[in-house]
Protein backbone atom coordinates (compact mmCIF):
# COMPACT_ATOMS: atom_id res chain seq x y z
CA MET A 1 -19.41 -5.56 24.92
CA LEU A 2 -15.70 -5.47 25.70
CA ALA A 3 -13.80 -2.23 25.16
CA ALA A 4 -11.60 -3.87 22.51
CA GLN A 5 -14.67 -4.99 20.54
CA ARG A 6 -16.25 -1.55 20.76
CA GLN A 7 -13.02 0.14 19.67
CA HIS A 8 -12.77 -2.20 16.69
CA LEU A 9 -16.30 -1.20 15.61
CA ILE A 10 -15.51 2.47 16.12
CA LEU A 11 -12.42 2.10 13.94
CA GLN A 12 -14.50 0.47 11.20
CA GLU A 13 -17.04 3.31 11.40
CA VAL A 14 -14.32 5.94 11.13
CA HIS A 15 -12.76 4.31 8.08
CA ASN A 16 -16.16 3.89 6.41
CA GLU A 17 -17.50 7.39 7.15
CA GLY A 18 -14.34 9.48 7.47
CA THR A 19 -15.52 11.13 10.71
CA VAL A 20 -17.72 10.11 13.65
CA ARG A 21 -19.32 12.01 16.54
CA VAL A 22 -19.07 11.05 20.21
CA ALA A 23 -22.79 11.54 20.82
CA THR A 24 -23.74 9.32 17.87
CA LEU A 25 -21.43 6.53 18.97
CA ALA A 26 -22.63 6.73 22.59
CA ALA A 27 -26.23 6.28 21.45
CA ARG A 28 -25.32 3.45 19.10
CA PHE A 29 -23.42 1.44 21.72
CA ASP A 30 -25.66 2.49 24.63
CA VAL A 31 -22.74 3.74 26.72
CA SER A 32 -21.79 7.12 28.15
CA GLU A 33 -20.05 9.78 26.09
CA MET A 34 -17.14 9.57 28.53
CA THR A 35 -16.70 5.89 27.63
CA ILE A 36 -16.59 6.74 23.92
CA ARG A 37 -14.07 9.51 24.55
CA ARG A 38 -11.83 7.02 26.33
CA ASP A 39 -12.14 4.64 23.36
CA ILE A 40 -11.21 7.43 20.97
CA ASP A 41 -8.28 8.41 23.18
CA ALA A 42 -7.00 4.82 23.03
CA LEU A 43 -7.34 4.67 19.23
CA ASP A 44 -5.72 8.09 18.85
CA ALA A 45 -2.78 7.05 21.06
CA GLY A 46 -2.22 4.09 18.73
CA GLY A 47 -2.27 6.32 15.66
CA LEU A 48 -5.36 4.59 14.28
CA VAL A 49 -7.69 7.63 14.33
CA LEU A 50 -7.37 11.38 14.84
CA ARG A 51 -9.14 12.78 17.88
CA VAL A 52 -11.00 15.94 16.86
CA HIS A 53 -13.44 18.21 18.69
CA GLY A 54 -16.60 16.22 19.34
CA GLY A 55 -15.43 12.98 17.74
CA ALA A 56 -12.76 11.30 15.62
CA ALA A 57 -11.54 11.33 12.02
CA ARG A 58 -9.61 9.04 9.72
CA THR A 59 -5.85 9.54 9.85
CA ASP A 60 -5.90 10.29 6.10
CA SER A 61 -8.64 12.94 6.40
CA PHE A 62 -5.98 15.61 6.01
CA SER A 63 -4.13 15.30 2.71
CA ALA A 64 -0.72 16.31 4.09
CA LEU A 65 -0.79 14.08 7.19
CA GLU A 66 1.72 11.25 6.88
CA PRO A 67 1.17 8.32 9.30
CA GLY A 68 4.21 6.48 10.62
CA PHE A 69 5.17 3.03 9.32
CA ALA A 70 4.24 1.20 12.54
CA ASN A 71 0.79 2.77 12.65
CA LYS A 72 0.07 1.94 9.00
CA SER A 73 1.37 -1.62 9.20
CA ALA A 74 -1.19 -2.54 11.87
CA PHE A 75 -4.16 -1.66 9.65
CA ALA A 76 -5.67 -4.12 7.11
CA GLN A 77 -2.74 -6.52 7.58
CA PRO A 78 -4.54 -9.64 6.21
CA ALA A 79 -5.46 -7.73 3.04
CA LYS A 80 -1.90 -6.47 2.61
CA ALA A 81 -0.44 -9.96 2.97
CA ALA A 82 -2.92 -11.40 0.44
CA ILE A 83 -2.25 -8.56 -2.02
CA ALA A 84 1.51 -9.05 -1.69
CA ALA A 85 1.19 -12.81 -2.30
CA GLU A 86 -0.76 -12.14 -5.50
CA ALA A 87 1.76 -9.54 -6.70
CA LEU A 88 4.57 -12.03 -6.10
CA LYS A 89 3.24 -14.10 -9.01
CA LEU A 90 4.48 -11.39 -11.39
CA VAL A 91 8.13 -11.82 -10.44
CA ARG A 92 10.38 -13.79 -12.80
CA PRO A 93 14.03 -14.90 -12.41
CA GLY A 94 16.63 -12.32 -13.38
CA MET A 95 14.34 -9.30 -13.05
CA THR A 96 15.31 -5.85 -11.84
CA LEU A 97 12.64 -4.49 -9.52
CA LEU A 98 11.94 -1.03 -8.13
CA ILE A 99 10.05 -1.21 -4.84
CA SER A 100 8.65 1.93 -3.26
CA GLY A 101 8.07 2.59 0.41
CA GLY A 102 4.92 1.28 2.05
CA THR A 103 3.62 -1.44 4.31
CA THR A 104 2.18 -3.59 1.50
CA THR A 105 5.39 -3.39 -0.55
CA PHE A 106 7.21 -4.37 2.64
CA GLU A 107 5.07 -7.53 2.81
CA LEU A 108 5.98 -8.27 -0.82
CA ALA A 109 9.70 -7.79 -0.18
CA ARG A 110 9.62 -10.30 2.68
CA MET A 111 8.15 -12.89 0.29
CA LEU A 112 10.63 -12.46 -2.57
CA PRO A 113 12.42 -15.71 -3.49
CA ARG A 114 16.15 -15.74 -2.73
CA ASN A 115 17.05 -18.01 -5.66
CA PHE A 116 15.73 -15.88 -8.56
CA ASP A 117 18.88 -13.80 -9.10
CA LEU A 118 16.87 -10.63 -8.50
CA THR A 119 18.10 -7.07 -8.30
CA VAL A 120 15.97 -4.79 -6.10
CA ALA A 121 16.35 -1.01 -5.95
CA THR A 122 14.34 0.62 -3.17
CA ASN A 123 13.98 3.88 -1.26
CA SER A 124 12.39 2.05 1.68
CA VAL A 125 14.48 1.47 4.80
CA MET A 126 12.12 -1.33 5.85
CA VAL A 127 12.20 -3.07 2.45
CA ALA A 128 16.00 -2.93 2.34
CA SER A 129 16.22 -4.37 5.85
CA SER A 130 13.86 -7.22 4.95
CA LEU A 131 16.11 -8.22 2.05
CA ALA A 132 19.28 -8.41 4.12
CA ALA A 133 20.81 -11.75 4.98
CA ARG A 134 19.81 -13.11 8.38
CA GLU A 135 22.29 -11.89 10.95
CA GLY A 136 24.79 -14.47 12.08
CA THR A 137 24.19 -16.90 9.19
CA GLY A 138 27.14 -15.77 7.10
CA GLU A 139 25.01 -16.39 4.01
CA ASP A 140 24.36 -14.04 1.13
CA SER A 141 20.77 -12.78 0.99
CA GLY A 142 20.45 -14.00 -2.60
CA ILE A 143 19.04 -10.62 -3.71
CA ARG A 144 21.20 -7.77 -4.95
CA THR A 145 19.85 -4.75 -3.07
CA LEU A 146 20.40 -1.13 -4.10
CA VAL A 147 19.37 1.42 -1.46
CA LEU A 148 18.40 4.77 -2.98
CA GLY A 149 19.63 7.23 -0.36
CA GLY A 150 18.00 10.46 0.76
CA GLU A 151 16.11 12.10 3.62
CA ARG A 152 14.12 9.76 5.86
CA THR A 153 10.34 10.25 6.23
CA PRO A 154 7.91 9.11 8.99
CA SER A 155 6.91 6.22 6.71
CA GLU A 156 10.56 5.03 6.58
CA ALA A 157 11.05 6.10 2.94
CA LEU A 158 14.09 7.97 1.61
CA VAL A 159 13.26 11.04 -0.45
CA GLY A 160 14.74 14.18 -1.99
CA PRO A 161 16.88 15.21 -4.98
CA LEU A 162 19.53 12.58 -4.27
CA THR A 163 16.89 9.84 -4.38
CA VAL A 164 15.37 11.12 -7.61
CA GLN A 165 18.83 11.26 -9.20
CA ALA A 166 19.58 7.69 -8.12
CA VAL A 167 16.25 6.43 -9.49
CA SER A 168 17.01 8.03 -12.87
CA THR A 169 19.98 5.69 -13.30
CA ILE A 170 17.84 2.56 -12.94
CA ALA A 171 16.12 0.62 -15.73
CA ALA A 172 13.64 -1.74 -14.03
CA ASP A 173 11.42 -4.49 -15.41
CA LEU A 174 8.73 -3.90 -12.80
CA CYS A 175 7.95 -1.22 -10.25
CA PHE A 176 5.94 -2.33 -7.24
CA MET A 177 4.40 0.75 -5.66
CA GLY A 178 2.32 1.24 -2.56
CA ALA A 179 -0.32 3.96 -2.46
CA HIS A 180 -1.52 6.38 0.20
CA GLY A 181 -4.46 7.30 -2.00
CA LEU A 182 -6.19 5.78 -5.04
CA ASP A 183 -8.73 8.02 -6.75
CA LEU A 184 -10.34 8.01 -10.20
CA GLN A 185 -9.64 11.69 -10.80
CA ALA A 186 -6.51 12.33 -8.70
CA GLY A 187 -4.86 8.99 -9.51
CA ILE A 188 -2.13 7.68 -7.18
CA THR A 189 -1.21 10.22 -4.51
CA SER A 190 1.02 10.75 -1.47
CA PRO A 191 0.82 13.10 1.54
CA ASN A 192 4.54 13.86 1.07
CA ILE A 193 5.56 16.03 -1.90
CA LEU A 194 9.14 14.75 -1.91
CA GLU A 195 8.03 11.12 -1.80
CA ALA A 196 5.62 11.77 -4.67
CA GLU A 197 8.52 13.09 -6.75
CA VAL A 198 10.56 9.96 -6.05
CA ASN A 199 7.65 7.66 -6.87
CA ALA A 200 6.97 9.53 -10.11
CA ALA A 201 10.62 9.00 -11.05
CA MET A 202 10.16 5.28 -10.33
CA VAL A 203 7.23 5.16 -12.74
CA ARG A 204 9.42 6.70 -15.47
CA ALA A 205 12.28 4.28 -14.74
CA SER A 206 10.17 1.11 -15.07
CA SER A 207 8.77 -0.87 -17.99
CA ARG A 208 5.65 -1.76 -15.99
CA LEU A 209 3.94 -0.26 -12.94
CA VAL A 210 2.18 -2.51 -10.44
CA VAL A 211 0.28 -0.69 -7.68
CA LEU A 212 -0.51 -2.55 -4.44
CA ALA A 213 -3.39 -0.89 -2.58
CA ASP A 214 -5.94 -2.33 -0.18
CA SER A 215 -9.54 -1.19 -0.59
CA SER A 216 -9.33 1.40 2.22
CA LYS A 217 -7.15 3.53 -0.10
CA TYR A 218 -9.96 3.98 -2.65
CA GLY A 219 -11.24 7.56 -2.76
CA VAL A 220 -8.36 8.90 -0.64
CA VAL A 221 -6.49 11.88 -2.10
CA GLY A 222 -3.08 12.89 -0.75
CA LEU A 223 -1.39 16.25 -1.07
CA ALA A 224 0.78 15.39 -4.07
CA GLY A 225 0.06 13.44 -7.24
CA ILE A 226 2.30 10.62 -8.46
CA CYS A 227 0.62 9.45 -11.66
CA PRO A 228 -2.82 9.03 -13.23
CA LEU A 229 -4.50 5.64 -13.12
CA SER A 230 -3.88 5.30 -16.87
CA ALA A 231 -0.17 4.88 -16.06
CA VAL A 232 -0.89 1.80 -13.93
CA HIS A 233 -0.46 -1.50 -15.76
CA ILE A 234 -1.70 -3.72 -12.92
CA LEU A 235 -3.64 -2.82 -9.79
CA VAL A 236 -3.71 -5.47 -7.06
CA THR A 237 -6.34 -4.79 -4.41
CA ASP A 238 -8.80 -6.74 -2.27
CA SER A 239 -12.44 -7.72 -2.65
CA GLY A 240 -13.47 -4.96 -0.25
CA ILE A 241 -13.17 -2.59 -3.20
CA ARG A 242 -16.67 -3.68 -4.22
CA ALA A 243 -18.05 -2.24 -0.99
CA ALA A 244 -15.85 0.86 -0.96
CA SER A 245 -18.11 2.70 -3.40
CA THR A 246 -20.90 1.81 -5.80
CA GLY A 247 -19.34 1.14 -9.19
CA ALA A 248 -15.77 1.45 -7.87
CA LEU A 249 -14.55 -1.79 -9.40
CA ALA A 250 -16.21 -1.13 -12.75
CA ALA A 251 -14.63 2.32 -12.90
CA LEU A 252 -11.20 0.96 -12.05
CA ARG A 253 -11.53 -1.68 -14.76
CA LYS A 254 -11.95 1.10 -17.31
CA ALA A 255 -8.99 3.11 -16.04
CA VAL A 256 -6.38 0.36 -15.47
CA SER A 257 -5.10 -2.28 -17.88
CA GLU A 258 -5.58 -5.10 -15.39
CA VAL A 259 -7.20 -5.29 -11.97
CA ARG A 260 -6.56 -8.21 -9.65
CA THR A 261 -8.78 -8.50 -6.58
CA VAL A 262 -7.83 -10.95 -3.85
CA ARG A 263 -10.53 -12.30 -1.58
CA LEU A 264 -9.76 -11.63 2.03
CA PRO A 265 -8.87 -14.56 4.32
CA ASN A 266 -12.03 -16.24 5.55
CA SER A 267 -12.71 -17.16 9.13
CA ARG A 268 -12.66 -20.88 8.46
CA ASN A 269 -9.10 -21.41 7.32
CA GLY A 270 -7.40 -18.00 7.53
CA HIS A 271 -6.17 -18.22 3.93
CA ALA A 272 -6.93 -15.85 1.08
CA GLU A 273 -8.88 -17.29 -1.82
CA PRO A 274 -7.57 -16.99 -5.41
CA ALA A 275 -7.53 -13.57 -7.03
CA SER A 276 -10.02 -12.48 -9.63
CA VAL A 277 -8.13 -11.18 -12.66
CA ILE A 278 -9.96 -8.68 -14.82
CA SER A 279 -8.47 -7.53 -18.13
CA PRO A 280 -11.06 -5.34 -19.87
CA ASN A 281 -9.00 -4.04 -22.76
CA PRO A 282 -6.24 -5.00 -25.22
CA ARG A 283 -3.53 -3.57 -22.96
CA GLN A 284 -3.64 -6.74 -20.86
CA TYR A 285 -0.35 -7.17 -19.04
CA GLN A 286 2.17 -9.74 -20.15
CA PRO A 287 5.16 -10.39 -17.86
CA PRO A 288 8.21 -8.78 -19.50
CA VAL A 289 11.24 -10.82 -20.45
CA PRO A 290 14.03 -9.69 -18.11
CA LYS A 291 16.61 -7.50 -19.79
CA GLY A 292 19.31 -9.51 -21.51
CA LYS A 293 17.19 -12.67 -21.59
CA ALA A 294 15.92 -14.35 -24.73
CA PRO A 295 12.14 -14.85 -24.98
């Protein structure tokens, strides 16, 4: 087995179990413990796992640890792209959108149509950059972009009192929010207290909240709470949620107005299959009419 293949399997084991031991992995792959330590060192250097005494742990094992944007963007990328494509279906011409920081919301921002007369307010440096006009074209980006200033975090979000104040002046049709953690009891959480405050302000400033979270976020609890699951109007996730925990999808269906699960790209054509839309209660989401528009 090639080192890259073994490291991929180790990464899967870490994300499934939370922690792994060197001795256990060495026995499983029939290699020396030194070989496993080198694999863990390589994964740790890439920010994909945390090297701990005797093994490795998930990077979100510690509630206050905040991974950098580059490290997060490399994980579960096909799921994030499929989730973003499904969320894009909720966007209507003339809408005002709030978009939080995050790698999945970044994927969504890159897909936004430039001819919808959209206004986007964001605290994400990466989202704002993705909405800018292509350098050297001399063309307008087609999207009015409001950058909510503040202190920059490792995940390329802007946070702090200035950001919260700016968010309070916005009235958005939809808020698209990424999630560090998605838990039945803790709700939507972040490892950064200041970012959690900004995201909570975004929830208050929006008519509808759409959370974009791949299945690896299920059961993860960050340091600071943003909102309970009952505040989420639509959750867009991937079909891996069924394997994340027994009964996870059924529990989410009870807590959230609408759950959309996208099937991950298959090996035959590389494209995601259509989403499964589940609306278990009368609060089923209806796309809002943009402010100032007649029904």
